[in-house]
All heavy atoms as atom14 arrays in JSON, in Angstrom:
{
  "sequence": "SERPKELNARIEVALTQAMDELACEAKSRDPAHFSM",
  "atom14_mask": [
    [1, 1, 1, 1, 1, 1, 0, 0, 0, 0, 0, 0, 0, 0],
    [1, 1, 1, 1, 1, 1, 1, 1, 1, 0, 0, 0, 0, 0],
    [1, 1, 1, 1, 1, 1, 1, 1, 1, 1, 1, 0, 0, 0],
    [1, 1, 1, 1, 1, 1, 1, 0, 0, 0, 0, 0, 0, 0],
    [1, 1, 1, 1, 1, 1, 1, 1, 1, 0, 0, 0, 0, 0],
    [1, 1, 1, 1, 1, 1, 1, 1, 1, 0, 0, 0, 0, 0],
    [1, 1, 1, 1, 1, 1, 1, 1, 0, 0, 0, 0, 0, 0],
    [1, 1, 1, 1, 1, 1, 1, 1, 0, 0, 0, 0, 0, 0],
    [1, 1, 1, 1, 1, 0, 0, 0, 0, 0, 0, 0, 0, 0],
    [1, 1, 1, 1, 1, 1, 1, 1, 1, 1, 1, 0, 0, 0],
    [1, 1, 1, 1, 1, 1, 1, 1, 0, 0, 0, 0, 0, 0],
    [1, 1, 1, 1, 1, 1, 1, 1, 1, 0, 0, 0, 0, 0],
    [1, 1, 1, 1, 1, 1, 1, 0, 0, 0, 0, 0, 0, 0],
    [1, 1, 1, 1, 1, 0, 0, 0, 0, 0, 0, 0, 0, 0],
    [1, 1, 1, 1, 1, 1, 1, 1, 0, 0, 0, 0, 0, 0],
    [1, 1, 1, 1, 1, 1, 1, 0, 0, 0, 0, 0, 0, 0],
    [1, 1, 1, 1, 1, 1, 1, 1, 1, 0, 0, 0, 0, 0],
    [1, 1, 1, 1, 1, 0, 0, 0, 0, 0, 0, 0, 0, 0],
    [1, 1, 1, 1, 1, 1, 1, 1, 0, 0, 0, 0, 0, 0],
    [1, 1, 1, 1, 1, 1, 1, 1, 0, 0, 0, 0, 0, 0],
    [1, 1, 1, 1, 1, 1, 1, 1, 1, 0, 0, 0, 0, 0],
    [1, 1, 1, 1, 1, 1, 1, 1, 0, 0, 0, 0, 0, 0],
    [1, 1, 1, 1, 1, 0, 0, 0, 0, 0, 0, 0, 0, 0],
    [1, 1, 1, 1, 1, 1, 0, 0, 0, 0, 0, 0, 0, 0],
    [1, 1, 1, 1, 1, 1, 1, 1, 1, 0, 0, 0, 0, 0],
    [1, 1, 1, 1, 1, 0, 0, 0, 0, 0, 0, 0, 0, 0],
    [1, 1, 1, 1, 1, 1, 1, 1, 1, 0, 0, 0, 0, 0],
    [1, 1, 1, 1, 1, 1, 0, 0, 0, 0, 0, 0, 0, 0],
    [1, 1, 1, 1, 1, 1, 1, 1, 1, 1, 1, 0, 0, 0],
    [1, 1, 1, 1, 1, 1, 1, 1, 0, 0, 0, 0, 0, 0],
    [1, 1, 1, 1, 1, 1, 1, 0, 0, 0, 0, 0, 0, 0],
    [1, 1, 1, 1, 1, 0, 0, 0, 0, 0, 0, 0, 0, 0],
    [1, 1, 1, 1, 1, 1, 1, 1, 1, 1, 0, 0, 0, 0],
    [1, 1, 1, 1, 1, 1, 1, 1, 1, 1, 1, 0, 0, 0],
    [1, 1, 1, 1, 1, 1, 0, 0, 0, 0, 0, 0, 0, 0],
    [1, 1, 1, 1, 1, 1, 1, 1, 0, 0, 0, 0, 0, 0]
  ],
  "atom14_positions": [
    [[28.23, 12.88, -52.07], [28.81, 11.77, -52.85], [28.09, 10.45, -52.62], [28.65, 9.38, -52.88], [30.31, 11.61, -52.54], [31.01, 12.81, -52.79], [0.0, 0.0, 0.0], [0.0, 0.0, 0.0], [0.0, 0.0, 0.0], [0.0, 0.0, 0.0], [0.0, 0.0, 0.0], [0.0, 0.0, 0.0], [0.0, 0.0, 0.0], [0.0, 0.0, 0.0]],
    [[26.86, 10.49, -52.14], [26.11, 9.25, -51.89], [25.65, 8.63, -53.2], [25.17, 9.33, -54.11], [24.9, 9.52, -50.99], [24.17, 8.25, -50.56], [23.16, 8.51, -49.46], [22.67, 9.65, -49.36], [22.85, 7.57, -48.71], [0.0, 0.0, 0.0], [0.0, 0.0, 0.0], [0.0, 0.0, 0.0], [0.0, 0.0, 0.0], [0.0, 0.0, 0.0]],
    [[25.77, 7.33, -53.3], [25.32, 6.62, -54.49], [23.83, 6.3, -54.38], [23.31, 6.1, -53.28], [26.12, 5.33, -54.66], [27.61, 5.57, -54.92], [28.34, 4.25, -55.09], [29.77, 4.47, -55.38], [30.64, 3.49, -55.55], [30.24, 2.23, -55.48], [31.9, 3.77, -55.81], [0.0, 0.0, 0.0], [0.0, 0.0, 0.0], [0.0, 0.0, 0.0]],
    [[23.14, 6.24, -55.53], [21.71, 5.95, -55.5], [21.36, 4.66, -54.75], [20.34, 4.61, -54.04], [21.34, 5.86, -56.99], [22.33, 6.75, -57.66], [23.61, 6.57, -56.9], [0.0, 0.0, 0.0], [0.0, 0.0, 0.0], [0.0, 0.0, 0.0], [0.0, 0.0, 0.0], [0.0, 0.0, 0.0], [0.0, 0.0, 0.0], [0.0, 0.0, 0.0]],
    [[22.19, 3.62, -54.88], [21.88, 2.36, -54.21], [21.88, 2.53, -52.69], [21.01, 1.98, -51.99], [22.9, 1.28, -54.61], [22.59, -0.1, -54.04], [23.59, -1.13, -54.57], [23.26, -2.53, -54.01], [24.23, -3.54, -54.53], [0.0, 0.0, 0.0], [0.0, 0.0, 0.0], [0.0, 0.0, 0.0], [0.0, 0.0, 0.0], [0.0, 0.0, 0.0]],
    [[22.83, 3.29, -52.18], [22.9, 3.53, -50.75], [21.71, 4.38, -50.28], [21.1, 4.11, -49.24], [24.22, 4.23, -50.4], [25.46, 3.41, -50.74], [26.72, 4.25, -50.73], [26.6, 5.5, -50.71], [27.82, 3.68, -50.75], [0.0, 0.0, 0.0], [0.0, 0.0, 0.0], [0.0, 0.0, 0.0], [0.0, 0.0, 0.0], [0.0, 0.0, 0.0]],
    [[21.39, 5.39, -51.06], [20.25, 6.25, -50.71], [18.95, 5.46, -50.75], [18.09, 5.61, -49.88], [20.18, 7.43, -51.67], [19.0, 8.38, -51.47], [19.01, 9.0, -50.09], [19.01, 9.46, -52.56], [0.0, 0.0, 0.0], [0.0, 0.0, 0.0], [0.0, 0.0, 0.0], [0.0, 0.0, 0.0], [0.0, 0.0, 0.0], [0.0, 0.0, 0.0]],
    [[18.79, 4.61, -51.76], [17.57, 3.82, -51.88], [17.37, 2.94, -50.65], [16.24, 2.81, -50.13], [17.63, 2.95, -53.14], [16.28, 2.36, -53.5], [15.35, 3.08, -53.84], [16.16, 1.05, -53.41], [0.0, 0.0, 0.0], [0.0, 0.0, 0.0], [0.0, 0.0, 0.0], [0.0, 0.0, 0.0], [0.0, 0.0, 0.0], [0.0, 0.0, 0.0]],
    [[18.46, 2.37, -50.13], [18.37, 1.52, -48.94], [17.91, 2.35, -47.73], [17.1, 1.88, -46.91], [19.71, 0.86, -48.66], [0.0, 0.0, 0.0], [0.0, 0.0, 0.0], [0.0, 0.0, 0.0], [0.0, 0.0, 0.0], [0.0, 0.0, 0.0], [0.0, 0.0, 0.0], [0.0, 0.0, 0.0], [0.0, 0.0, 0.0], [0.0, 0.0, 0.0]],
    [[18.4, 3.58, -47.61], [18.0, 4.42, -46.48], [16.54, 4.84, -46.61], [15.81, 4.92, -45.6], [18.9, 5.65, -46.4], [20.34, 5.34, -46.0], [21.04, 6.55, -45.42], [21.19, 7.64, -46.37], [20.71, 8.87, -46.17], [20.04, 9.15, -45.08], [20.91, 9.81, -47.08], [0.0, 0.0, 0.0], [0.0, 0.0, 0.0], [0.0, 0.0, 0.0]],
    [[16.09, 5.1, -47.83], [14.67, 5.46, -48.02], [13.78, 4.27, -47.67], [12.72, 4.42, -47.05], [14.43, 5.93, -49.46], [15.24, 7.2, -49.75], [12.94, 6.2, -49.69], [15.2, 7.62, -51.21], [0.0, 0.0, 0.0], [0.0, 0.0, 0.0], [0.0, 0.0, 0.0], [0.0, 0.0, 0.0], [0.0, 0.0, 0.0], [0.0, 0.0, 0.0]],
    [[14.19, 3.06, -48.07], [13.42, 1.87, -47.74], [13.27, 1.7, -46.23], [12.2, 1.35, -45.73], [14.08, 0.64, -48.35], [13.93, 0.54, -49.86], [14.66, -0.66, -50.45], [15.56, -1.21, -49.78], [14.33, -1.05, -51.59], [0.0, 0.0, 0.0], [0.0, 0.0, 0.0], [0.0, 0.0, 0.0], [0.0, 0.0, 0.0], [0.0, 0.0, 0.0]],
    [[14.36, 1.93, -45.49], [14.31, 1.82, -44.03], [13.35, 2.84, -43.44], [12.51, 2.52, -42.58], [15.72, 1.98, -43.43], [15.65, 2.12, -41.91], [16.6, 0.8, -43.8], [0.0, 0.0, 0.0], [0.0, 0.0, 0.0], [0.0, 0.0, 0.0], [0.0, 0.0, 0.0], [0.0, 0.0, 0.0], [0.0, 0.0, 0.0], [0.0, 0.0, 0.0]],
    [[13.44, 4.09, -43.91], [12.58, 5.15, -43.38], [11.11, 4.9, -43.7], [10.23, 5.12, -42.86], [13.02, 6.5, -43.94], [0.0, 0.0, 0.0], [0.0, 0.0, 0.0], [0.0, 0.0, 0.0], [0.0, 0.0, 0.0], [0.0, 0.0, 0.0], [0.0, 0.0, 0.0], [0.0, 0.0, 0.0], [0.0, 0.0, 0.0], [0.0, 0.0, 0.0]],
    [[10.83, 4.44, -44.92], [9.44, 4.16, -45.3], [8.91, 2.96, -44.52], [7.76, 2.97, -44.06], [9.35, 3.91, -46.8], [7.94, 3.6, -47.34], [6.95, 4.7, -46.99], [7.98, 3.39, -48.85], [0.0, 0.0, 0.0], [0.0, 0.0, 0.0], [0.0, 0.0, 0.0], [0.0, 0.0, 0.0], [0.0, 0.0, 0.0], [0.0, 0.0, 0.0]],
    [[9.72, 1.93, -44.34], [9.3, 0.77, -43.57], [8.95, 1.16, -42.15], [7.93, 0.7, -41.59], [10.41, -0.3, -43.56], [10.69, -0.71, -44.9], [9.98, -1.52, -42.75], [0.0, 0.0, 0.0], [0.0, 0.0, 0.0], [0.0, 0.0, 0.0], [0.0, 0.0, 0.0], [0.0, 0.0, 0.0], [0.0, 0.0, 0.0], [0.0, 0.0, 0.0]],
    [[9.76, 2.02, -41.54], [9.48, 2.46, -40.17], [8.15, 3.2, -40.1], [7.35, 2.97, -39.18], [10.61, 3.36, -39.67], [10.4, 3.85, -38.23], [11.54, 4.7, -37.72], [12.61, 4.76, -38.35], [11.36, 5.36, -36.6], [0.0, 0.0, 0.0], [0.0, 0.0, 0.0], [0.0, 0.0, 0.0], [0.0, 0.0, 0.0], [0.0, 0.0, 0.0]],
    [[7.9, 4.1, -41.06], [6.63, 4.83, -41.08], [5.45, 3.87, -41.28], [4.4, 4.02, -40.63], [6.65, 5.88, -42.18], [0.0, 0.0, 0.0], [0.0, 0.0, 0.0], [0.0, 0.0, 0.0], [0.0, 0.0, 0.0], [0.0, 0.0, 0.0], [0.0, 0.0, 0.0], [0.0, 0.0, 0.0], [0.0, 0.0, 0.0], [0.0, 0.0, 0.0]],
    [[5.61, 2.87, -42.14], [4.55, 1.9, -42.38], [4.3, 1.05, -41.13], [3.14, 0.74, -40.81], [4.91, 1.02, -43.58], [4.9, 1.77, -44.91], [5.63, 0.82, -46.28], [4.48, -0.56, -46.39], [0.0, 0.0, 0.0], [0.0, 0.0, 0.0], [0.0, 0.0, 0.0], [0.0, 0.0, 0.0], [0.0, 0.0, 0.0], [0.0, 0.0, 0.0]],
    [[5.36, 0.66, -40.44], [5.2, -0.13, -39.22], [4.47, 0.66, -38.14], [3.59, 0.14, -37.44], [6.57, -0.58, -38.69], [7.2, -1.67, -39.54], [6.5, -2.27, -40.36], [8.42, -1.91, -39.37], [0.0, 0.0, 0.0], [0.0, 0.0, 0.0], [0.0, 0.0, 0.0], [0.0, 0.0, 0.0], [0.0, 0.0, 0.0], [0.0, 0.0, 0.0]],
    [[4.83, 1.93, -37.99], [4.18, 2.77, -36.99], [2.71, 2.98, -37.33], [1.84, 2.94, -36.44], [4.91, 4.11, -36.89], [6.31, 3.97, -36.27], [7.13, 5.24, -36.41], [6.7, 6.15, -37.15], [8.2, 5.31, -35.78], [0.0, 0.0, 0.0], [0.0, 0.0, 0.0], [0.0, 0.0, 0.0], [0.0, 0.0, 0.0], [0.0, 0.0, 0.0]],
    [[2.42, 3.2, -38.6], [1.03, 3.37, -39.01], [0.24, 2.08, -38.82], [-0.93, 2.12, -38.41], [0.97, 3.82, -40.47], [-0.44, 4.13, -41.02], [-1.09, 5.26, -40.24], [-0.38, 4.47, -42.51], [0.0, 0.0, 0.0], [0.0, 0.0, 0.0], [0.0, 0.0, 0.0], [0.0, 0.0, 0.0], [0.0, 0.0, 0.0], [0.0, 0.0, 0.0]],
    [[0.87, 0.95, -39.09], [0.18, -0.34, -38.91], [-0.22, -0.55, -37.45], [-1.32, -1.03, -37.16], [1.08, -1.47, -39.39], [0.0, 0.0, 0.0], [0.0, 0.0, 0.0], [0.0, 0.0, 0.0], [0.0, 0.0, 0.0], [0.0, 0.0, 0.0], [0.0, 0.0, 0.0], [0.0, 0.0, 0.0], [0.0, 0.0, 0.0], [0.0, 0.0, 0.0]],
    [[0.67, -0.2, -36.53], [0.35, -0.34, -35.1], [-0.83, 0.54, -34.72], [-1.73, 0.11, -33.98], [1.57, 0.01, -34.25], [2.89, -1.2, -34.28], [0.0, 0.0, 0.0], [0.0, 0.0, 0.0], [0.0, 0.0, 0.0], [0.0, 0.0, 0.0], [0.0, 0.0, 0.0], [0.0, 0.0, 0.0], [0.0, 0.0, 0.0], [0.0, 0.0, 0.0]],
    [[-0.85, 1.75, -35.24], [-1.96, 2.65, -34.92], [-3.25, 2.19, -35.59], [-4.33, 2.32, -35.01], [-1.59, 4.07, -35.34], [-0.47, 4.65, -34.5], [0.12, 5.91, -35.07], [0.03, 6.13, -36.3], [0.69, 6.69, -34.29], [0.0, 0.0, 0.0], [0.0, 0.0, 0.0], [0.0, 0.0, 0.0], [0.0, 0.0, 0.0], [0.0, 0.0, 0.0]],
    [[-3.14, 1.65, -36.79], [-4.33, 1.15, -37.47], [-4.93, -0.02, -36.7], [-6.16, -0.12, -36.54], [-3.98, 0.72, -38.89], [0.0, 0.0, 0.0], [0.0, 0.0, 0.0], [0.0, 0.0, 0.0], [0.0, 0.0, 0.0], [0.0, 0.0, 0.0], [0.0, 0.0, 0.0], [0.0, 0.0, 0.0], [0.0, 0.0, 0.0], [0.0, 0.0, 0.0]],
    [[-4.07, -0.91, -36.21], [-4.56, -2.09, -35.47], [-5.17, -1.7, -34.13], [-6.01, -2.42, -33.6], [-3.42, -3.08, -35.28], [-3.04, -3.82, -36.56], [-2.02, -4.91, -36.33], [-0.64, -4.37, -36.11], [0.39, -5.44, -36.07], [0.0, 0.0, 0.0], [0.0, 0.0, 0.0], [0.0, 0.0, 0.0], [0.0, 0.0, 0.0], [0.0, 0.0, 0.0]],
    [[-4.76, -0.56, -33.58], [-5.36, -0.12, -32.3], [-6.8, 0.33, -32.48], [-7.56, 0.37, -31.51], [-4.54, 1.04, -31.73], [-4.81, 2.25, -32.41], [0.0, 0.0, 0.0], [0.0, 0.0, 0.0], [0.0, 0.0, 0.0], [0.0, 0.0, 0.0], [0.0, 0.0, 0.0], [0.0, 0.0, 0.0], [0.0, 0.0, 0.0], [0.0, 0.0, 0.0]],
    [[-7.18, 0.7, -33.69], [-8.54, 1.16, -34.01], [-8.92, 2.37, -33.16], [-10.11, 2.59, -32.87], [-9.55, 0.03, -33.84], [-9.23, -1.22, -34.62], [-10.13, -2.37, -34.23], [-11.48, -2.2, -34.72], [-11.94, -2.69, -35.87], [-11.12, -3.38, -36.67], [-13.19, -2.5, -36.24], [0.0, 0.0, 0.0], [0.0, 0.0, 0.0], [0.0, 0.0, 0.0]],
    [[-7.93, 3.16, -32.77], [-8.17, 4.29, -31.88], [-8.0, 5.59, -32.66], [-6.87, 5.98, -33.0], [-7.19, 4.24, -30.71], [-7.46, 5.35, -29.69], [-8.33, 6.2, -29.94], [-6.78, 5.35, -28.64], [0.0, 0.0, 0.0], [0.0, 0.0, 0.0], [0.0, 0.0, 0.0], [0.0, 0.0, 0.0], [0.0, 0.0, 0.0], [0.0, 0.0, 0.0]],
    [[-9.08, 6.32, -32.93], [-8.96, 7.56, -33.71], [-8.19, 8.65, -32.98], [-7.79, 9.64, -33.6], [-10.43, 7.97, -33.93], [-11.2, 7.26, -32.87], [-10.48, 5.98, -32.61], [0.0, 0.0, 0.0], [0.0, 0.0, 0.0], [0.0, 0.0, 0.0], [0.0, 0.0, 0.0], [0.0, 0.0, 0.0], [0.0, 0.0, 0.0], [0.0, 0.0, 0.0]],
    [[-7.96, 8.48, -31.67], [-7.21, 9.48, -30.92], [-5.76, 9.59, -31.39], [-5.08, 10.57, -31.11], [-7.24, 9.16, -29.43], [0.0, 0.0, 0.0], [0.0, 0.0, 0.0], [0.0, 0.0, 0.0], [0.0, 0.0, 0.0], [0.0, 0.0, 0.0], [0.0, 0.0, 0.0], [0.0, 0.0, 0.0], [0.0, 0.0, 0.0], [0.0, 0.0, 0.0]],
    [[-5.26, 8.57, -32.1], [-3.9, 8.61, -32.62], [-3.78, 9.51, -33.85], [-2.67, 9.74, -34.34], [-3.43, 7.2, -33.01], [-3.19, 6.3, -31.84], [-2.36, 6.63, -30.8], [-3.69, 5.06, -31.56], [-2.34, 5.64, -29.92], [-3.13, 4.68, -30.36], [0.0, 0.0, 0.0], [0.0, 0.0, 0.0], [0.0, 0.0, 0.0], [0.0, 0.0, 0.0]],
    [[-4.9, 9.99, -34.36], [-4.92, 10.66, -35.65], [-5.59, 12.03, -35.58], [-6.43, 12.29, -34.72], [-5.69, 9.82, -36.68], [-5.12, 8.45, -36.92], [-5.46, 7.39, -36.09], [-4.25, 8.22, -37.97], [-4.93, 6.12, -36.32], [-3.72, 6.97, -38.2], [-4.07, 5.91, -37.37], [0.0, 0.0, 0.0], [0.0, 0.0, 0.0], [0.0, 0.0, 0.0]],
    [[-5.2, 12.87, -36.51], [-5.95, 14.09, -36.81], [-6.87, 13.78, -38.0], [-6.46, 13.12, -38.95], [-5.01, 15.23, -37.2], [-4.13, 15.54, -36.15], [0.0, 0.0, 0.0], [0.0, 0.0, 0.0], [0.0, 0.0, 0.0], [0.0, 0.0, 0.0], [0.0, 0.0, 0.0], [0.0, 0.0, 0.0], [0.0, 0.0, 0.0], [0.0, 0.0, 0.0]],
    [[-8.1, 14.25, -37.92], [-9.04, 14.01, -39.01], [-8.87, 15.08, -40.08], [-9.02, 16.27, -39.81], [-10.47, 13.98, -38.5], [-11.46, 13.58, -39.58], [-13.16, 13.61, -39.01], [-13.09, 12.39, -37.7], [0.0, 0.0, 0.0], [0.0, 0.0, 0.0], [0.0, 0.0, 0.0], [0.0, 0.0, 0.0], [0.0, 0.0, 0.0], [0.0, 0.0, 0.0]]
  ]
}
């Protein structure tokens, strides 16, 4: 029974977290954080 507005907010939070984590790894410039 979740409404789209509530779901959209949860997706935004999850995507923001993934983007923040990727940004930290990108700024480290360390390829060891990644699989090629």
